[in-house]
Amino acid sequence: VKTFMDNIDVFVLPSIWEGFGYVLVEAMACGKPVV
């Protein structure tokens, strides 16, 4: 996941529903802005 995050500029999560947005936490931990 870290390599994936290193290769993006903005993390987008277009889901309509998430139990807990763990992937948002991962993106933010990698210093990525999120939408």
Full PDB file with SEQRES, HELIX, SHEET, SSBOND, CRYST1, ORIGX, SCALE, CONECT and MASTER records, all heavy atoms in Angstrom:
SEQRES   1 A   35  VAL LYS THR PHE MET ASP ASN ILE ASP VAL PHE VAL LEU          
SEQRES   2 A   35  PRO SER ILE TRP GLU GLY PHE GLY TYR VAL LEU VAL GLU          
SEQRES   3 A   35  ALA MET ALA CYS GLY LYS PRO VAL VAL                          
HELIX    1 AA1 LYS A    2  ASP A    6  1                                   5    
HELIX    2 AA2 TYR A   22  ALA A   29  1                                   8    
CRYST1    1.000    1.000    1.000  90.00  90.00  90.00 P 1           1          
ORIGX1      1.000000  0.000000  0.000000        0.00000                         
ORIGX2      0.000000  1.000000  0.000000        0.00000                         
ORIGX3      0.000000  0.000000  1.000000        0.00000                         
SCALE1      1.000000  0.000000  0.000000        0.00000                         
SCALE2      0.000000  1.000000  0.000000        0.00000                         
SCALE3      0.000000  0.000000  1.000000        0.00000                         
ATOM      1  N   VAL A   1       0.834  -1.204   0.000  1.00  0.00           N  
ATOM      2  CA  VAL A   1       0.000   0.000   0.000  1.00  0.00           C  
ATOM      3  C   VAL A   1       0.869   1.255   0.000  1.00  0.00           C  
ATOM      4  O   VAL A   1       0.558   2.237  -0.671  1.00  0.00           O  
ATOM      5  CB  VAL A   1      -0.974  -0.002   1.194  1.00  0.00           C  
ATOM      6  CG1 VAL A   1      -1.744   1.307   1.290  1.00  0.00           C  
ATOM      7  CG2 VAL A   1      -1.929  -1.179   1.085  1.00  0.00           C  
ATOM      8  N   LYS A   2       1.981   1.236   0.714  1.00  0.00           N  
ATOM      9  CA  LYS A   2       2.863   2.412   0.783  1.00  0.00           C  
ATOM     10  C   LYS A   2       3.374   2.777  -0.613  1.00  0.00           C  
ATOM     11  O   LYS A   2       3.369   3.957  -0.983  1.00  0.00           O  
ATOM     12  CB  LYS A   2       4.034   2.142   1.732  1.00  0.00           C  
ATOM     13  CG  LYS A   2       5.075   3.253   1.722  1.00  0.00           C  
ATOM     14  CD  LYS A   2       5.187   3.954   3.029  1.00  0.00           C  
ATOM     15  CE  LYS A   2       6.288   4.964   3.114  1.00  0.00           C  
ATOM     16  NZ  LYS A   2       6.282   6.042   2.170  1.00  0.00           N  
ATOM     17  N   THR A   3       3.792   1.797  -1.385  1.00  0.00           N  
ATOM     18  CA  THR A   3       4.264   2.062  -2.745  1.00  0.00           C  
ATOM     19  C   THR A   3       3.137   2.645  -3.589  1.00  0.00           C  
ATOM     20  O   THR A   3       3.348   3.593  -4.352  1.00  0.00           O  
ATOM     21  CB  THR A   3       4.819   0.781  -3.391  1.00  0.00           C  
ATOM     22  OG1 THR A   3       5.923   0.324  -2.611  1.00  0.00           O  
ATOM     23  CG2 THR A   3       5.276   1.024  -4.810  1.00  0.00           C  
ATOM     24  N   PHE A   4       1.949   2.099  -3.446  1.00  0.00           N  
ATOM     25  CA  PHE A   4       0.796   2.642  -4.161  1.00  0.00           C  
ATOM     26  C   PHE A   4       0.594   4.111  -3.789  1.00  0.00           C  
ATOM     27  O   PHE A   4       0.454   4.972  -4.661  1.00  0.00           O  
ATOM     28  CB  PHE A   4      -0.464   1.828  -3.844  1.00  0.00           C  
ATOM     29  CG  PHE A   4      -1.722   2.426  -4.405  1.00  0.00           C  
ATOM     30  CD1 PHE A   4      -2.049   2.271  -5.744  1.00  0.00           C  
ATOM     31  CD2 PHE A   4      -2.583   3.155  -3.595  1.00  0.00           C  
ATOM     32  CE1 PHE A   4      -3.205   2.840  -6.262  1.00  0.00           C  
ATOM     33  CE2 PHE A   4      -3.740   3.718  -4.107  1.00  0.00           C  
ATOM     34  CZ  PHE A   4      -4.057   3.557  -5.451  1.00  0.00           C  
ATOM     35  N   MET A   5       0.584   4.397  -2.487  1.00  0.00           N  
ATOM     36  CA  MET A   5       0.352   5.771  -2.019  1.00  0.00           C  
ATOM     37  C   MET A   5       1.465   6.715  -2.490  1.00  0.00           C  
ATOM     38  O   MET A   5       1.205   7.872  -2.802  1.00  0.00           O  
ATOM     39  CB  MET A   5       0.241   5.822  -0.499  1.00  0.00           C  
ATOM     40  CG  MET A   5      -0.954   5.109   0.064  1.00  0.00           C  
ATOM     41  SD  MET A   5      -2.508   5.888  -0.403  1.00  0.00           S  
ATOM     42  CE  MET A   5      -3.661   4.759   0.369  1.00  0.00           C  
ATOM     43  N   ASP A   6       2.687   6.210  -2.563  1.00  0.00           N  
ATOM     44  CA  ASP A   6       3.803   7.035  -3.022  1.00  0.00           C  
ATOM     45  C   ASP A   6       3.651   7.449  -4.490  1.00  0.00           C  
ATOM     46  O   ASP A   6       4.280   8.409  -4.931  1.00  0.00           O  
ATOM     47  CB  ASP A   6       5.137   6.304  -2.844  1.00  0.00           C  
ATOM     48  CG  ASP A   6       5.583   6.212  -1.388  1.00  0.00           C  
ATOM     49  OD1 ASP A   6       5.016   6.944  -0.547  1.00  0.00           O  
ATOM     50  OD2 ASP A   6       6.479   5.404  -1.101  1.00  0.00           O  
ATOM     51  N   ASN A   7       2.831   6.719  -5.231  1.00  0.00           N  
ATOM     52  CA  ASN A   7       2.671   6.969  -6.665  1.00  0.00           C  
ATOM     53  C   ASN A   7       1.414   7.758  -7.017  1.00  0.00           C  
ATOM     54  O   ASN A   7       1.055   7.834  -8.191  1.00  0.00           O  
ATOM     55  CB  ASN A   7       2.699   5.644  -7.429  1.00  0.00           C  
ATOM     56  CG  ASN A   7       4.101   5.099  -7.530  1.00  0.00           C  
ATOM     57  OD1 ASN A   7       4.934   5.667  -8.217  1.00  0.00           O  
ATOM     58  ND2 ASN A   7       4.377   4.030  -6.815  1.00  0.00           N  
ATOM     59  N   ILE A   8       0.751   8.309  -6.019  1.00  0.00           N  
ATOM     60  CA  ILE A   8      -0.440   9.121  -6.299  1.00  0.00           C  
ATOM     61  C   ILE A   8      -0.256  10.512  -5.693  1.00  0.00           C  
ATOM     62  O   ILE A   8       0.546  10.702  -4.775  1.00  0.00           O  
ATOM     63  CB  ILE A   8      -1.732   8.466  -5.756  1.00  0.00           C  
ATOM     64  CG1 ILE A   8      -1.708   8.348  -4.231  1.00  0.00           C  
ATOM     65  CG2 ILE A   8      -1.965   7.105  -6.408  1.00  0.00           C  
ATOM     66  CD1 ILE A   8      -3.018   7.901  -3.622  1.00  0.00           C  
ATOM     67  N   ASP A   9      -1.006  11.462  -6.221  1.00  0.00           N  
ATOM     68  CA  ASP A   9      -0.971  12.828  -5.701  1.00  0.00           C  
ATOM     69  C   ASP A   9      -2.142  13.091  -4.760  1.00  0.00           C  
ATOM     70  O   ASP A   9      -1.987  13.781  -3.756  1.00  0.00           O  
ATOM     71  CB  ASP A   9      -1.016  13.844  -6.853  1.00  0.00           C  
ATOM     72  CG  ASP A   9       0.188  13.721  -7.767  1.00  0.00           C  
ATOM     73  OD1 ASP A   9       1.315  13.565  -7.253  1.00  0.00           O  
ATOM     74  OD2 ASP A   9       0.011  13.767  -8.999  1.00  0.00           O  
ATOM     75  N   VAL A  10      -3.303  12.573  -5.108  1.00  0.00           N  
ATOM     76  CA  VAL A  10      -4.529  12.761  -4.334  1.00  0.00           C  
ATOM     77  C   VAL A  10      -5.199  11.405  -4.202  1.00  0.00           C  
ATOM     78  O   VAL A  10      -5.299  10.659  -5.176  1.00  0.00           O  
ATOM     79  CB  VAL A  10      -5.492  13.747  -5.045  1.00  0.00           C  
ATOM     80  CG1 VAL A  10      -6.797  13.886  -4.274  1.00  0.00           C  
ATOM     81  CG2 VAL A  10      -4.840  15.098  -5.256  1.00  0.00           C  
ATOM     82  N   PHE A  11      -5.651  11.096  -2.986  1.00  0.00           N  
ATOM     83  CA  PHE A  11      -6.377   9.847  -2.786  1.00  0.00           C  
ATOM     84  C   PHE A  11      -7.871  10.151  -2.841  1.00  0.00           C  
ATOM     85  O   PHE A  11      -8.348  11.032  -2.138  1.00  0.00           O  
ATOM     86  CB  PHE A  11      -6.038   9.203  -1.436  1.00  0.00           C  
ATOM     87  CG  PHE A  11      -6.752   7.902  -1.246  1.00  0.00           C  
ATOM     88  CD1 PHE A  11      -6.229   6.737  -1.784  1.00  0.00           C  
ATOM     89  CD2 PHE A  11      -7.963   7.845  -0.580  1.00  0.00           C  
ATOM     90  CE1 PHE A  11      -6.908   5.529  -1.647  1.00  0.00           C  
ATOM     91  CE2 PHE A  11      -8.641   6.655  -0.438  1.00  0.00           C  
ATOM     92  CZ  PHE A  11      -8.109   5.499  -0.971  1.00  0.00           C  
ATOM     93  N   VAL A  12      -8.580   9.425  -3.685  1.00  0.00           N  
ATOM     94  CA  VAL A  12     -10.024   9.623  -3.787  1.00  0.00           C  
ATOM     95  C   VAL A  12     -10.742   8.337  -3.401  1.00  0.00           C  
ATOM     96  O   VAL A  12     -10.330   7.244  -3.778  1.00  0.00           O  
ATOM     97  CB  VAL A  12     -10.456  10.101  -5.190  1.00  0.00           C  
ATOM     98  CG1 VAL A  12      -9.852  11.448  -5.503  1.00  0.00           C  
ATOM     99  CG2 VAL A  12     -10.079   9.121  -6.264  1.00  0.00           C  
ATOM    100  N   LEU A  13     -11.777   8.502  -2.619  1.00  0.00           N  
ATOM    101  CA  LEU A  13     -12.597   7.365  -2.203  1.00  0.00           C  
ATOM    102  C   LEU A  13     -14.032   7.654  -2.642  1.00  0.00           C  
ATOM    103  O   LEU A  13     -14.757   8.377  -1.966  1.00  0.00           O  
ATOM    104  CB  LEU A  13     -12.528   7.167  -0.683  1.00  0.00           C  
ATOM    105  CG  LEU A  13     -13.262   5.939  -0.154  1.00  0.00           C  
ATOM    106  CD1 LEU A  13     -12.620   4.654  -0.668  1.00  0.00           C  
ATOM    107  CD2 LEU A  13     -13.273   5.942   1.369  1.00  0.00           C  
ATOM    108  N   PRO A  14     -14.434   7.105  -3.784  1.00  0.00           N  
ATOM    109  CA  PRO A  14     -15.753   7.412  -4.324  1.00  0.00           C  
ATOM    110  C   PRO A  14     -16.860   6.500  -3.806  1.00  0.00           C  
ATOM    111  O   PRO A  14     -17.949   6.471  -4.366  1.00  0.00           O  
ATOM    112  CB  PRO A  14     -15.552   7.218  -5.833  1.00  0.00           C  
ATOM    113  CG  PRO A  14     -14.531   6.125  -5.912  1.00  0.00           C  
ATOM    114  CD  PRO A  14     -13.614   6.347  -4.724  1.00  0.00           C  
ATOM    115  N   SER A  15     -16.598   5.779  -2.725  1.00  0.00           N  
ATOM    116  CA  SER A  15     -17.603   4.875  -2.163  1.00  0.00           C  
ATOM    117  C   SER A  15     -18.754   5.667  -1.561  1.00  0.00           C  
ATOM    118  O   SER A  15     -18.548   6.725  -0.969  1.00  0.00           O  
ATOM    119  CB  SER A  15     -17.003   4.009  -1.050  1.00  0.00           C  
ATOM    120  OG  SER A  15     -15.887   3.313  -1.517  1.00  0.00           O  
ATOM    121  N   ILE A  16     -19.932   5.103  -1.659  1.00  0.00           N  
ATOM    122  CA  ILE A  16     -21.118   5.716  -1.060  1.00  0.00           C  
ATOM    123  C   ILE A  16     -21.234   5.306   0.404  1.00  0.00           C  
ATOM    124  O   ILE A  16     -21.827   5.995   1.214  1.00  0.00           O  
ATOM    125  CB  ILE A  16     -22.381   5.285  -1.834  1.00  0.00           C  
ATOM    126  CG1 ILE A  16     -22.261   5.696  -3.298  1.00  0.00           C  
ATOM    127  CG2 ILE A  16     -23.638   5.894  -1.235  1.00  0.00           C  
ATOM    128  CD1 ILE A  16     -21.972   7.164  -3.497  1.00  0.00           C  
ATOM    129  N   TRP A  17     -20.645   4.182   0.769  1.00  0.00           N  
ATOM    130  CA  TRP A  17     -20.721   3.697   2.146  1.00  0.00           C  
ATOM    131  C   TRP A  17     -19.414   2.999   2.507  1.00  0.00           C  
ATOM    132  O   TRP A  17     -18.853   2.253   1.708  1.00  0.00           O  
ATOM    133  CB  TRP A  17     -21.877   2.713   2.317  1.00  0.00           C  
ATOM    134  CG  TRP A  17     -22.063   2.290   3.732  1.00  0.00           C  
ATOM    135  CD1 TRP A  17     -22.817   2.917   4.676  1.00  0.00           C  
ATOM    136  CD2 TRP A  17     -21.473   1.165   4.391  1.00  0.00           C  
ATOM    137  NE1 TRP A  17     -22.732   2.263   5.872  1.00  0.00           N  
ATOM    138  CE2 TRP A  17     -21.910   1.167   5.728  1.00  0.00           C  
ATOM    139  CE3 TRP A  17     -20.599   0.154   3.989  1.00  0.00           C  
ATOM    140  CZ2 TRP A  17     -21.514   0.218   6.652  1.00  0.00           C  
ATOM    141  CZ3 TRP A  17     -20.207  -0.792   4.908  1.00  0.00           C  
ATOM    142  CH2 TRP A  17     -20.671  -0.752   6.232  1.00  0.00           C  
ATOM    143  N   GLU A  18     -18.933   3.249   3.714  1.00  0.00           N  
ATOM    144  CA  GLU A  18     -17.753   2.579   4.281  1.00  0.00           C  
ATOM    145  C   GLU A  18     -18.074   2.271   5.737  1.00  0.00           C  
ATOM    146  O   GLU A  18     -18.584   3.138   6.436  1.00  0.00           O  
ATOM    147  CB  GLU A  18     -16.516   3.484   4.236  1.00  0.00           C  
ATOM    148  CG  GLU A  18     -15.964   3.752   2.866  1.00  0.00           C  
ATOM    149  CD  GLU A  18     -15.265   2.559   2.246  1.00  0.00           C  
ATOM    150  OE1 GLU A  18     -14.591   1.806   2.971  1.00  0.00           O  
ATOM    151  OE2 GLU A  18     -15.401   2.378   1.033  1.00  0.00           O  
ATOM    152  N   GLY A  19     -17.765   1.056   6.182  1.00  0.00           N  
ATOM    153  CA  GLY A  19     -17.924   0.752   7.600  1.00  0.00           C  
ATOM    154  C   GLY A  19     -17.011   1.641   8.415  1.00  0.00           C  
ATOM    155  O   GLY A  19     -17.428   2.427   9.247  1.00  0.00           O  
ATOM    156  N   PHE A  20     -15.740   1.537   8.169  1.00  0.00           N  
ATOM    157  CA  PHE A  20     -14.737   2.459   8.699  1.00  0.00           C  
ATOM    158  C   PHE A  20     -13.743   2.653   7.571  1.00  0.00           C  
ATOM    159  O   PHE A  20     -13.217   1.682   7.033  1.00  0.00           O  
ATOM    160  CB  PHE A  20     -14.032   1.904   9.940  1.00  0.00           C  
ATOM    161  CG  PHE A  20     -12.940   2.818  10.440  1.00  0.00           C  
ATOM    162  CD1 PHE A  20     -13.258   3.965  11.142  1.00  0.00           C  
ATOM    163  CD2 PHE A  20     -11.608   2.562  10.164  1.00  0.00           C  
ATOM    164  CE1 PHE A  20     -12.260   4.837  11.583  1.00  0.00           C  
ATOM    165  CE2 PHE A  20     -10.608   3.411  10.604  1.00  0.00           C  
ATOM    166  CZ  PHE A  20     -10.933   4.557  11.323  1.00  0.00           C  
ATOM    167  N   GLY A  21     -13.488   3.878   7.208  1.00  0.00           N  
ATOM    168  CA  GLY A  21     -12.634   4.175   6.065  1.00  0.00           C  
ATOM    169  C   GLY A  21     -11.163   3.982   6.354  1.00  0.00           C  
ATOM    170  O   GLY A  21     -10.387   4.933   6.307  1.00  0.00           O  
ATOM    171  N   TYR A  22     -10.796   2.736   6.658  1.00  0.00           N  
ATOM    172  CA  TYR A  22      -9.408   2.421   6.980  1.00  0.00           C  
ATOM    173  C   TYR A  22      -8.453   2.931   5.906  1.00  0.00           C  
ATOM    174  O   TYR A  22      -7.380   3.451   6.204  1.00  0.00           O  
ATOM    175  CB  TYR A  22      -9.257   0.910   7.165  1.00  0.00           C  
ATOM    176  CG  TYR A  22      -7.884   0.478   7.597  1.00  0.00           C  
ATOM    177  CD1 TYR A  22      -7.435   0.715   8.891  1.00  0.00           C  
ATOM    178  CD2 TYR A  22      -7.020  -0.154   6.715  1.00  0.00           C  
ATOM    179  CE1 TYR A  22      -6.171   0.338   9.296  1.00  0.00           C  
ATOM    180  CE2 TYR A  22      -5.749  -0.536   7.108  1.00  0.00           C  
ATOM    181  CZ  TYR A  22      -5.333  -0.289   8.395  1.00  0.00           C  
ATOM    182  OH  TYR A  22      -4.079  -0.660   8.788  1.00  0.00           O  
ATOM    183  N   VAL A  23      -8.870   2.817   4.640  1.00  0.00           N  
ATOM    184  CA  VAL A  23      -8.006   3.235   3.544  1.00  0.00           C  
ATOM    185  C   VAL A  23      -7.800   4.754   3.564  1.00  0.00           C  
ATOM    186  O   VAL A  23      -6.739   5.235   3.157  1.00  0.00           O  
ATOM    187  CB  VAL A  23      -8.561   2.729   2.193  1.00  0.00           C  
ATOM    188  CG1 VAL A  23      -9.855   3.431   1.820  1.00  0.00           C  
ATOM    189  CG2 VAL A  23      -7.528   2.843   1.103  1.00  0.00           C  
ATOM    190  N   LEU A  24      -8.762   5.506   4.081  1.00  0.00           N  
ATOM    191  CA  LEU A  24      -8.563   6.952   4.251  1.00  0.00           C  
ATOM    192  C   LEU A  24      -7.461   7.225   5.268  1.00  0.00           C  
ATOM    193  O   LEU A  24      -6.623   8.106   5.066  1.00  0.00           O  
ATOM    194  CB  LEU A  24      -9.860   7.622   4.696  1.00  0.00           C  
ATOM    195  CG  LEU A  24     -10.968   7.736   3.660  1.00  0.00           C  
ATOM    196  CD1 LEU A  24     -12.257   8.217   4.307  1.00  0.00           C  
ATOM    197  CD2 LEU A  24     -10.555   8.651   2.519  1.00  0.00           C  
ATOM    198  N   VAL A  25      -7.469   6.457   6.343  1.00  0.00           N  
ATOM    199  CA  VAL A  25      -6.426   6.608   7.365  1.00  0.00           C  
ATOM    200  C   VAL A  25      -5.070   6.264   6.759  1.00  0.00           C  
ATOM    201  O   VAL A  25      -4.080   6.970   7.002  1.00  0.00           O  
ATOM    202  CB  VAL A  25      -6.732   5.729   8.603  1.00  0.00           C  
ATOM    203  CG1 VAL A  25      -5.584   5.784   9.601  1.00  0.00           C  
ATOM    204  CG2 VAL A  25      -8.039   6.172   9.258  1.00  0.00           C  
ATOM    205  N   GLU A  26      -5.020   5.201   5.964  1.00  0.00           N  
ATOM    206  CA  GLU A  26      -3.755   4.832   5.314  1.00  0.00           C  
ATOM    207  C   GLU A  26      -3.251   5.957   4.409  1.00  0.00           C  
ATOM    208  O   GLU A  26      -2.064   6.294   4.431  1.00  0.00           O  
ATOM    209  CB  GLU A  26      -3.932   3.558   4.485  1.00  0.00           C  
ATOM    210  CG  GLU A  26      -4.081   2.311   5.295  1.00  0.00           C  
ATOM    211  CD  GLU A  26      -4.297   1.084   4.433  1.00  0.00           C  
ATOM    212  OE1 GLU A  26      -5.073   1.152   3.454  1.00  0.00           O  
ATOM    213  OE2 GLU A  26      -3.693   0.043   4.739  1.00  0.00           O  
ATOM    214  N   ALA A  27      -4.149   6.521   3.618  1.00  0.00           N  
ATOM    215  CA  ALA A  27      -3.752   7.593   2.711  1.00  0.00           C  
ATOM    216  C   ALA A  27      -3.250   8.805   3.487  1.00  0.00           C  
ATOM    217  O   ALA A  27      -2.220   9.397   3.147  1.00  0.00           O  
ATOM    218  CB  ALA A  27      -4.931   7.985   1.817  1.00  0.00           C  
ATOM    219  N   MET A  28      -3.983   9.168   4.537  1.00  0.00           N  
ATOM    220  CA  MET A  28      -3.576  10.310   5.345  1.00  0.00           C  
ATOM    221  C   MET A  28      -2.256  10.041   6.056  1.00  0.00           C  
ATOM    222  O   MET A  28      -1.415  10.940   6.187  1.00  0.00           O  
ATOM    223  CB  MET A  28      -4.690  10.675   6.323  1.00  0.00           C  
ATOM    224  CG  MET A  28      -5.911  11.272   5.615  1.00  0.00           C  
ATOM    225  SD  MET A  28      -7.438  11.347   6.595  1.00  0.00           S  
ATOM    226  CE  MET A  28      -6.925  12.213   8.062  1.00  0.00           C  
ATOM    227  N   ALA A  29      -2.039   8.819   6.504  1.00  0.00           N  
ATOM    228  CA  ALA A  29      -0.771   8.460   7.144  1.00  0.00           C  
ATOM    229  C   ALA A  29       0.393   8.625   6.180  1.00  0.00           C  
ATOM    230  O   ALA A  29       1.520   8.921   6.601  1.00  0.00           O  
ATOM    231  CB  ALA A  29      -0.829   7.020   7.659  1.00  0.00           C  
ATOM    232  N   CYS A  30       0.115   8.470   4.902  1.00  0.00           N  
ATOM    233  CA  CYS A  30       1.150   8.655   3.873  1.00  0.00           C  
ATOM    234  C   CYS A  30       1.234  10.101   3.402  1.00  0.00           C  
ATOM    235  O   CYS A  30       1.949  10.400   2.439  1.00  0.00           O  
ATOM    236  CB  CYS A  30       0.866   7.727   2.699  1.00  0.00           C  
ATOM    237  SG  CYS A  30       1.112   5.985   3.088  1.00  0.00           S  
ATOM    238  N   GLY A  31       0.506  10.985   4.062  1.00  0.00           N  
ATOM    239  CA  GLY A  31       0.586  12.403   3.733  1.00  0.00           C  
ATOM    240  C   GLY A  31      -0.158  12.802   2.473  1.00  0.00           C  
ATOM    241  O   GLY A  31       0.195  13.798   1.841  1.00  0.00           O  
ATOM    242  N   LYS A  32      -1.189  12.047   2.124  1.00  0.00           N  
ATOM    243  CA  LYS A  32      -1.952  12.352   0.919  1.00  0.00           C  
ATOM    244  C   LYS A  32      -3.226  13.122   1.257  1.00  0.00           C  
ATOM    245  O   LYS A  32      -3.942  12.760   2.194  1.00  0.00           O  
ATOM    246  CB  LYS A  32      -2.331  11.066   0.172  1.00  0.00           C  
ATOM    247  CG  LYS A  32      -1.145  10.252  -0.278  1.00  0.00           C  
ATOM    248  CD  LYS A  32      -0.258  11.030  -1.229  1.00  0.00           C  
ATOM    249  CE  LYS A  32       1.025  10.301  -1.544  1.00  0.00           C  
ATOM    250  NZ  LYS A  32       1.880  11.044  -2.443  1.00  0.00           N  
ATOM    251  N   PRO A  33      -3.536  14.169   0.488  1.00  0.00           N  
ATOM    252  CA  PRO A  33      -4.835  14.810   0.651  1.00  0.00           C  
ATOM    253  C   PRO A  33      -5.897  13.854   0.129  1.00  0.00           C  
ATOM    254  O   PRO A  33      -5.627  13.041  -0.759  1.00  0.00           O  
ATOM    255  CB  PRO A  33      -4.722  16.051  -0.237  1.00  0.00           C  
ATOM    256  CG  PRO A  33      -3.741  15.664  -1.299  1.00  0.00           C  
ATOM    257  CD  PRO A  33      -2.760  14.736  -0.614  1.00  0.00           C  
ATOM    258  N   VAL A  34      -7.095  13.933   0.676  1.00  0.00           N  
ATOM    259  CA  VAL A  34      -8.143  12.990   0.282  1.00  0.00           C  
ATOM    260  C   VAL A  34      -9.402  13.728  -0.160  1.00  0.00           C  
ATOM    261  O   VAL A  34      -9.682  14.846   0.287  1.00  0.00           O  
ATOM    262  CB  VAL A  34      -8.477  11.994   1.415  1.00  0.00           C  
ATOM    263  CG1 VAL A  34      -7.264  11.169   1.788  1.00  0.00           C  
ATOM    264  CG2 VAL A  34      -9.024  12.698   2.629  1.00  0.00           C  
ATOM    265  N   VAL A  35     -10.144  13.074  -1.036  1.00  0.00           N  
ATOM    266  CA  VAL A  35     -11.471  13.529  -1.436  1.00  0.00           C  
ATOM    267  C   VAL A  35     -12.381  12.321  -1.290  1.00  0.00           C  
ATOM    268  O   VAL A  35     -12.092  11.236  -1.805  1.00  0.00           O  
ATOM    269  CB  VAL A  35     -11.503  14.057  -2.885  1.00  0.00           C  
ATOM    270  CG1 VAL A  35     -12.917  14.479  -3.276  1.00  0.00           C  
ATOM    271  CG2 VAL A  35     -10.528  15.211  -3.069  1.00  0.00           C  
TER     272      VAL A  35                                                      
MASTER        0    0    0    2    0    0    0    6  271    1    0    3          
END                                                                             
